[in-house]
Amino acid sequence: MAHTAEPITVDAEPYIARLRTQMAEAWGQAQAQLALAREEIAVRTEREADLARRIAELESTVAELRSAASTRP
């Protein structure tokens, strides 16, 4: 088998097009995951704020009950 010095040529356009498609799909998936993560963070933040409000209300109620109990004759 003889070694030839001629370079092997390949039409790169189909490979470039396939890579472009793969990159676009990956970008779309990354954007969807990012949007989902942002939504999850927003929901979690809202829940935590609700819990903080409920805790504050309960602490206030406990403080009022303690205050009322300590002022009884």
PDB file of N, CA and C in Angstrom:
ATOM      1  N   MET A   1       0.851  -1.175   0.000  1.00  0.00           N
ATOM      2  CA  MET A   1       0.000   0.000   0.000  1.00  0.00           C
ATOM      3  C   MET A   1       0.895   1.236   0.000  1.00  0.00           C
ATOM      4  N   ALA A   2       0.716   2.022  -0.997  1.00  0.00           N
ATOM      5  CA  ALA A   2       1.559   3.194  -1.156  1.00  0.00           C
ATOM      6  C   ALA A   2       0.951   4.375  -0.410  1.00  0.00           C
ATOM      7  N   HIS A   3       1.808   5.152   0.174  1.00  0.00           N
ATOM      8  CA  HIS A   3       1.386   6.357   0.887  1.00  0.00           C
ATOM      9  C   HIS A   3       1.336   7.524  -0.091  1.00  0.00           C
ATOM     10  N   THR A   4       0.193   8.208  -0.136  1.00  0.00           N
ATOM     11  CA  THR A   4       0.088   9.352  -1.042  1.00  0.00           C
ATOM     12  C   THR A   4       0.200  10.631  -0.252  1.00  0.00           C
ATOM     13  N   ALA A   5       0.772  11.612  -0.850  1.00  0.00           N
ATOM     14  CA  ALA A   5       0.973  12.891  -0.189  1.00  0.00           C
ATOM     15  C   ALA A   5      -0.214  13.825  -0.385  1.00  0.00           C
ATOM     16  N   GLU A   6      -1.182  13.402  -1.164  1.00  0.00           N
ATOM     17  CA  GLU A   6      -2.333  14.274  -1.421  1.00  0.00           C
ATOM     18  C   GLU A   6      -3.243  14.329  -0.188  1.00  0.00           C
ATOM     19  N   PRO A   7      -3.690  15.504   0.184  1.00  0.00           N
ATOM     20  CA  PRO A   7      -4.579  15.627   1.347  1.00  0.00           C
ATOM     21  C   PRO A   7      -5.965  15.058   1.044  1.00  0.00           C
ATOM     22  N   ILE A   8      -6.596  14.579   2.066  1.00  0.00           N
ATOM     23  CA  ILE A   8      -7.965  14.069   1.922  1.00  0.00           C
ATOM     24  C   ILE A   8      -8.901  15.245   2.157  1.00  0.00           C
ATOM     25  N   THR A   9      -9.802  15.447   1.229  1.00  0.00           N
ATOM     26  CA  THR A   9     -10.740  16.556   1.372  1.00  0.00           C
ATOM     27  C   THR A   9     -12.117  16.017   1.738  1.00  0.00           C
ATOM     28  N   VAL A  10     -12.799  16.788   2.561  1.00  0.00           N
ATOM     29  CA  VAL A  10     -14.140  16.409   3.019  1.00  0.00           C
ATOM     30  C   VAL A  10     -15.007  17.651   2.954  1.00  0.00           C
ATOM     31  N   ASP A  11     -16.228  17.462   2.519  1.00  0.00           N
ATOM     32  CA  ASP A  11     -17.170  18.571   2.526  1.00  0.00           C
ATOM     33  C   ASP A  11     -17.648  18.748   3.968  1.00  0.00           C
ATOM     34  N   ALA A  12     -17.255  19.816   4.583  1.00  0.00           N
ATOM     35  CA  ALA A  12     -17.539  20.035   5.998  1.00  0.00           C
ATOM     36  C   ALA A  12     -18.929  20.607   6.248  1.00  0.00           C
ATOM     37  N   GLU A  13     -19.590  21.085   5.218  1.00  0.00           N
ATOM     38  CA  GLU A  13     -20.897  21.730   5.424  1.00  0.00           C
ATOM     39  C   GLU A  13     -21.918  20.856   6.134  1.00  0.00           C
ATOM     40  N   PRO A  14     -22.083  19.582   5.763  1.00  0.00           N
ATOM     41  CA  PRO A  14     -23.057  18.753   6.502  1.00  0.00           C
ATOM     42  C   PRO A  14     -22.698  18.612   7.981  1.00  0.00           C
ATOM     43  N   TYR A  15     -21.420  18.500   8.274  1.00  0.00           N
ATOM     44  CA  TYR A  15     -20.990  18.375   9.668  1.00  0.00           C
ATOM     45  C   TYR A  15     -21.224  19.673  10.432  1.00  0.00           C
ATOM     46  N   ILE A  16     -20.941  20.773   9.770  1.00  0.00           N
ATOM     47  CA  ILE A  16     -21.168  22.085  10.388  1.00  0.00           C
ATOM     48  C   ILE A  16     -22.657  22.296  10.631  1.00  0.00           C
ATOM     49  N   ALA A  17     -23.482  21.926   9.670  1.00  0.00           N
ATOM     50  CA  ALA A  17     -24.935  22.072   9.832  1.00  0.00           C
ATOM     51  C   ALA A  17     -25.436  21.211  10.983  1.00  0.00           C
ATOM     52  N   ARG A  18     -24.941  19.977  11.089  1.00  0.00           N
ATOM     53  CA  ARG A  18     -25.358  19.096  12.179  1.00  0.00           C
ATOM     54  C   ARG A  18     -24.911  19.660  13.529  1.00  0.00           C
ATOM     55  N   LEU A  19     -23.695  20.161  13.576  1.00  0.00           N
ATOM     56  CA  LEU A  19     -23.193  20.769  14.807  1.00  0.00           C
ATOM     57  C   LEU A  19     -24.015  22.000  15.180  1.00  0.00           C
ATOM     58  N   ARG A  20     -24.369  22.807  14.190  1.00  0.00           N
ATOM     59  CA  ARG A  20     -25.193  23.997  14.425  1.00  0.00           C
ATOM     60  C   ARG A  20     -26.547  23.596  15.025  1.00  0.00           C
ATOM     61  N   THR A  21     -27.135  22.547  14.478  1.00  0.00           N
ATOM     62  CA  THR A  21     -28.422  22.056  14.989  1.00  0.00           C
ATOM     63  C   THR A  21     -28.287  21.556  16.419  1.00  0.00           C
ATOM     64  N   GLN A  22     -27.229  20.802  16.675  1.00  0.00           N
ATOM     65  CA  GLN A  22     -27.003  20.289  18.021  1.00  0.00           C
ATOM     66  C   GLN A  22     -26.789  21.422  19.022  1.00  0.00           C
ATOM     67  N   MET A  23     -26.052  22.429  18.605  1.00  0.00           N
ATOM     68  CA  MET A  23     -25.807  23.572  19.488  1.00  0.00           C
ATOM     69  C   MET A  23     -27.096  24.333  19.764  1.00  0.00           C
ATOM     70  N   ALA A  24     -27.930  24.495  18.752  1.00  0.00           N
ATOM     71  CA  ALA A  24     -29.206  25.188  18.942  1.00  0.00           C
ATOM     72  C   ALA A  24     -30.106  24.405  19.886  1.00  0.00           C
ATOM     73  N   GLU A  25     -30.132  23.085  19.749  1.00  0.00           N
ATOM     74  CA  GLU A  25     -30.937  22.254  20.646  1.00  0.00           C
ATOM     75  C   GLU A  25     -30.412  22.333  22.078  1.00  0.00           C
ATOM     76  N   ALA A  26     -29.102  22.277  22.228  1.00  0.00           N
ATOM     77  CA  ALA A  26     -28.503  22.364  23.559  1.00  0.00           C
ATOM     78  C   ALA A  26     -28.797  23.718  24.191  1.00  0.00           C
ATOM     79  N   TRP A  27     -28.722  24.779  23.389  1.00  0.00           N
ATOM     80  CA  TRP A  27     -29.016  26.123  23.885  1.00  0.00           C
ATOM     81  C   TRP A  27     -30.476  26.199  24.337  1.00  0.00           C
ATOM     82  N   GLY A  28     -31.369  25.649  23.547  1.00  0.00           N
ATOM     83  CA  GLY A  28     -32.783  25.651  23.908  1.00  0.00           C
ATOM     84  C   GLY A  28     -33.039  24.880  25.190  1.00  0.00           C
ATOM     85  N   GLN A  29     -32.385  23.732  25.346  1.00  0.00           N
ATOM     86  CA  GLN A  29     -32.541  22.950  26.568  1.00  0.00           C
ATOM     87  C   GLN A  29     -31.984  23.706  27.777  1.00  0.00           C
ATOM     88  N   ALA A  30     -30.859  24.350  27.595  1.00  0.00           N
ATOM     89  CA  ALA A  30     -30.266  25.118  28.692  1.00  0.00           C
ATOM     90  C   ALA A  30     -31.186  26.272  29.095  1.00  0.00           C
ATOM     91  N   GLN A  31     -31.776  26.938  28.112  1.00  0.00           N
ATOM     92  CA  GLN A  31     -32.685  28.043  28.415  1.00  0.00           C
ATOM     93  C   GLN A  31     -33.936  27.543  29.134  1.00  0.00           C
ATOM     94  N   ALA A  32     -34.444  26.385  28.722  1.00  0.00           N
ATOM     95  CA  ALA A  32     -35.622  25.817  29.378  1.00  0.00           C
ATOM     96  C   ALA A  32     -35.300  25.436  30.821  1.00  0.00           C
ATOM     97  N   GLN A  33     -34.137  24.848  31.044  1.00  0.00           N
ATOM     98  CA  GLN A  33     -33.734  24.486  32.397  1.00  0.00           C
ATOM     99  C   GLN A  33     -33.550  25.724  33.263  1.00  0.00           C
ATOM    100  N   LEU A  34     -32.994  26.772  32.685  1.00  0.00           N
ATOM    101  CA  LEU A  34     -32.807  28.022  33.414  1.00  0.00           C
ATOM    102  C   LEU A  34     -34.148  28.640  33.789  1.00  0.00           C
ATOM    103  N   ALA A  35     -35.091  28.631  32.860  1.00  0.00           N
ATOM    104  CA  ALA A  35     -36.425  29.171  33.145  1.00  0.00           C
ATOM    105  C   ALA A  35     -37.114  28.362  34.241  1.00  0.00           C
ATOM    106  N   LEU A  36     -36.980  27.048  34.196  1.00  0.00           N
ATOM    107  CA  LEU A  36     -37.569  26.190  35.223  1.00  0.00           C
ATOM    108  C   LEU A  36     -36.936  26.470  36.581  1.00  0.00           C
ATOM    109  N   ALA A  37     -35.630  26.603  36.613  1.00  0.00           N
ATOM    110  CA  ALA A  37     -34.937  26.899  37.875  1.00  0.00           C
ATOM    111  C   ALA A  37     -35.393  28.242  38.439  1.00  0.00           C
ATOM    112  N   ARG A  38     -35.546  29.230  37.588  1.00  0.00           N
ATOM    113  CA  ARG A  38     -36.019  30.547  38.057  1.00  0.00           C
ATOM    114  C   ARG A  38     -37.426  30.449  38.635  1.00  0.00           C
ATOM    115  N   GLU A  39     -38.289  29.672  37.985  1.00  0.00           N
ATOM    116  CA  GLU A  39     -39.657  29.497  38.477  1.00  0.00           C
ATOM    117  C   GLU A  39     -39.645  28.769  39.814  1.00  0.00           C
ATOM    118  N   GLU A  40     -38.814  27.734  39.933  1.00  0.00           N
ATOM    119  CA  GLU A  40     -38.717  27.015  41.200  1.00  0.00           C
ATOM    120  C   GLU A  40     -38.225  27.925  42.317  1.00  0.00           C
ATOM    121  N   ILE A  41     -37.266  28.770  42.023  1.00  0.00           N
ATOM    122  CA  ILE A  41     -36.745  29.707  43.017  1.00  0.00           C
ATOM    123  C   ILE A  41     -37.832  30.694  43.429  1.00  0.00           C
ATOM    124  N   ALA A  42     -38.601  31.183  42.470  1.00  0.00           N
ATOM    125  CA  ALA A  42     -39.679  32.124  42.789  1.00  0.00           C
ATOM    126  C   ALA A  42     -40.725  31.470  43.683  1.00  0.00           C
ATOM    127  N   VAL A  43     -41.094  30.230  43.372  1.00  0.00           N
ATOM    128  CA  VAL A  43     -42.080  29.516  44.188  1.00  0.00           C
ATOM    129  C   VAL A  43     -41.532  29.277  45.589  1.00  0.00           C
ATOM    130  N   ARG A  44     -40.283  28.848  45.669  1.00  0.00           N
ATOM    131  CA  ARG A  44     -39.666  28.600  46.973  1.00  0.00           C
ATOM    132  C   ARG A  44     -39.592  29.885  47.792  1.00  0.00           C
ATOM    133  N   THR A  45     -39.227  30.977  47.157  1.00  0.00           N
ATOM    134  CA  THR A  45     -39.133  32.263  47.849  1.00  0.00           C
ATOM    135  C   THR A  45     -40.494  32.691  48.386  1.00  0.00           C
ATOM    136  N   GLU A  46     -41.529  32.491  47.585  1.00  0.00           N
ATOM    137  CA  GLU A  46     -42.886  32.838  48.018  1.00  0.00           C
ATOM    138  C   GLU A  46     -43.318  31.974  49.201  1.00  0.00           C
ATOM    139  N   ARG A  47     -43.038  30.689  49.137  1.00  0.00           N
ATOM    140  CA  ARG A  47     -43.388  29.792  50.252  1.00  0.00           C
ATOM    141  C   ARG A  47     -42.652  30.182  51.524  1.00  0.00           C
ATOM    142  N   GLU A  48     -41.367  30.495  51.393  1.00  0.00           N
ATOM    143  CA  GLU A  48     -40.585  30.889  52.561  1.00  0.00           C
ATOM    144  C   GLU A  48     -41.109  32.188  53.157  1.00  0.00           C
ATOM    145  N   ALA A  49     -41.531  33.107  52.313  1.00  0.00           N
ATOM    146  CA  ALA A  49     -42.102  34.362  52.809  1.00  0.00           C
ATOM    147  C   ALA A  49     -43.418  34.088  53.536  1.00  0.00           C
ATOM    148  N   ASP A  50     -44.244  33.197  52.993  1.00  0.00           N
ATOM    149  CA  ASP A  50     -45.497  32.829  53.660  1.00  0.00           C
ATOM    150  C   ASP A  50     -45.220  32.194  55.015  1.00  0.00           C
ATOM    151  N   LEU A  51     -44.249  31.307  55.068  1.00  0.00           N
ATOM    152  CA  LEU A  51     -43.896  30.677  56.335  1.00  0.00           C
ATOM    153  C   LEU A  51     -43.392  31.699  57.339  1.00  0.00           C
ATOM    154  N   ALA A  52     -42.583  32.634  56.886  1.00  0.00           N
ATOM    155  CA  ALA A  52     -42.069  33.679  57.776  1.00  0.00           C
ATOM    156  C   ALA A  52     -43.217  34.513  58.328  1.00  0.00           C
ATOM    157  N   ARG A  53     -44.209  34.832  57.488  1.00  0.00           N
ATOM    158  CA  ARG A  53     -45.371  35.594  57.969  1.00  0.00           C
ATOM    159  C   ARG A  53     -46.166  34.800  58.997  1.00  0.00           C
ATOM    160  N   ARG A  54     -46.369  33.516  58.709  1.00  0.00           N
ATOM    161  CA  ARG A  54     -47.120  32.670  59.642  1.00  0.00           C
ATOM    162  C   ARG A  54     -46.397  32.540  60.972  1.00  0.00           C
ATOM    163  N   ILE A  55     -45.090  32.382  60.932  1.00  0.00           N
ATOM    164  CA  ILE A  55     -44.299  32.288  62.159  1.00  0.00           C
ATOM    165  C   ILE A  55     -44.410  33.591  62.946  1.00  0.00           C
ATOM    166  N   ALA A  56     -44.305  34.713  62.263  1.00  0.00           N
ATOM    167  CA  ALA A  56     -44.422  36.008  62.935  1.00  0.00           C
ATOM    168  C   ALA A  56     -45.799  36.167  63.575  1.00  0.00           C
ATOM    169  N   GLU A  57     -46.839  35.746  62.881  1.00  0.00           N
ATOM    170  CA  GLU A  57     -48.189  35.823  63.436  1.00  0.00           C
ATOM    171  C   GLU A  57     -48.321  34.945  64.678  1.00  0.00           C
ATOM    172  N   LEU A  58     -47.795  33.727  64.607  1.00  0.00           N
ATOM    173  CA  LEU A  58     -47.862  32.823  65.751  1.00  0.00           C
ATOM    174  C   LEU A  58     -47.059  33.357  66.934  1.00  0.00           C
ATOM    175  N   GLU A  59     -45.887  33.896  66.656  1.00  0.00           N
ATOM    176  CA  GLU A  59     -45.078  34.480  67.731  1.00  0.00           C
ATOM    177  C   GLU A  59     -45.792  35.659  68.371  1.00  0.00           C
ATOM    178  N   SER A  60     -46.466  36.449  67.554  1.00  0.00           N
ATOM    179  CA  SER A  60     -47.237  37.578  68.077  1.00  0.00           C
ATOM    180  C   SER A  60     -48.384  37.086  68.956  1.00  0.00           C
ATOM    181  N   THR A  61     -49.053  36.040  68.517  1.00  0.00           N
ATOM    182  CA  THR A  61     -50.153  35.473  69.292  1.00  0.00           C
ATOM    183  C   THR A  61     -49.645  34.928  70.625  1.00  0.00           C
ATOM    184  N   VAL A  62     -48.521  34.236  70.587  1.00  0.00           N
ATOM    185  CA  VAL A  62     -47.935  33.705  71.822  1.00  0.00           C
ATOM    186  C   VAL A  62     -47.572  34.852  72.758  1.00  0.00           C
ATOM    187  N   ALA A  63     -46.973  35.904  72.221  1.00  0.00           N
ATOM    188  CA  ALA A  63     -46.602  37.055  73.051  1.00  0.00           C
ATOM    189  C   ALA A  63     -47.841  37.696  73.669  1.00  0.00           C
ATOM    190  N   GLU A  64     -48.923  37.811  72.888  1.00  0.00           N
ATOM    191  CA  GLU A  64     -50.164  38.392  73.422  1.00  0.00           C
ATOM    192  C   GLU A  64     -50.739  37.519  74.530  1.00  0.00           C
ATOM    193  N   LEU A  65     -50.728  36.205  74.334  1.00  0.00           N
ATOM    194  CA  LEU A  65     -51.251  35.288  75.347  1.00  0.00           C
ATOM    195  C   LEU A  65     -50.419  35.350  76.621  1.00  0.00           C
ATOM    196  N   ARG A  66     -49.111  35.426  76.477  1.00  0.00           N
ATOM    197  CA  ARG A  66     -48.238  35.535  77.654  1.00  0.00           C
ATOM    198  C   ARG A  66     -48.486  36.849  78.377  1.00  0.00           C
ATOM    199  N   SER A  67     -48.653  37.909  77.610  1.00  0.00           N
ATOM    200  CA  SER A  67     -48.898  39.214  78.199  1.00  0.00           C
ATOM    201  C   SER A  67     -50.231  39.235  78.935  1.00  0.00           C
ATOM    202  N   ALA A  68     -51.251  38.651  78.328  1.00  0.00           N
ATOM    203  CA  ALA A  68     -52.573  38.613  78.957  1.00  0.00           C
ATOM    204  C   ALA A  68     -52.537  37.739  80.196  1.00  0.00           C
ATOM    205  N   ALA A  69     -51.797  36.650  80.174  1.00  0.00           N
ATOM    206  CA  ALA A  69     -51.709  35.757  81.334  1.00  0.00           C
ATOM    207  C   ALA A  69     -50.953  36.402  82.472  1.00  0.00           C
ATOM    208  N   SER A  70     -49.973  37.222  82.178  1.00  0.00           N
ATOM    209  CA  SER A  70     -49.165  37.828  83.239  1.00  0.00           C
ATOM    210  C   SER A  70     -49.860  39.033  83.861  1.00  0.00           C
ATOM    211  N   THR A  71     -50.850  39.588  83.225  1.00  0.00           N
ATOM    212  CA  THR A  71     -51.550  40.763  83.776  1.00  0.00           C
ATOM    213  C   THR A  71     -52.807  40.390  84.528  1.00  0.00           C
ATOM    214  N   ARG A  72     -53.129  39.104  84.580  1.00  0.00           N
ATOM    215  CA  ARG A  72     -54.309  38.679  85.327  1.00  0.00           C
ATOM    216  C   ARG A  72     -54.042  38.795  86.829  1.00  0.00           C
ATOM    217  N   PRO A  73     -55.079  39.190  87.572  1.00  0.00           N
ATOM    218  CA  PRO A  73     -54.893  39.323  89.031  1.00  0.00           C
ATOM    219  C   PRO A  73     -54.854  37.974  89.747  1.00  0.00           C
TER     220      PRO A  73
END
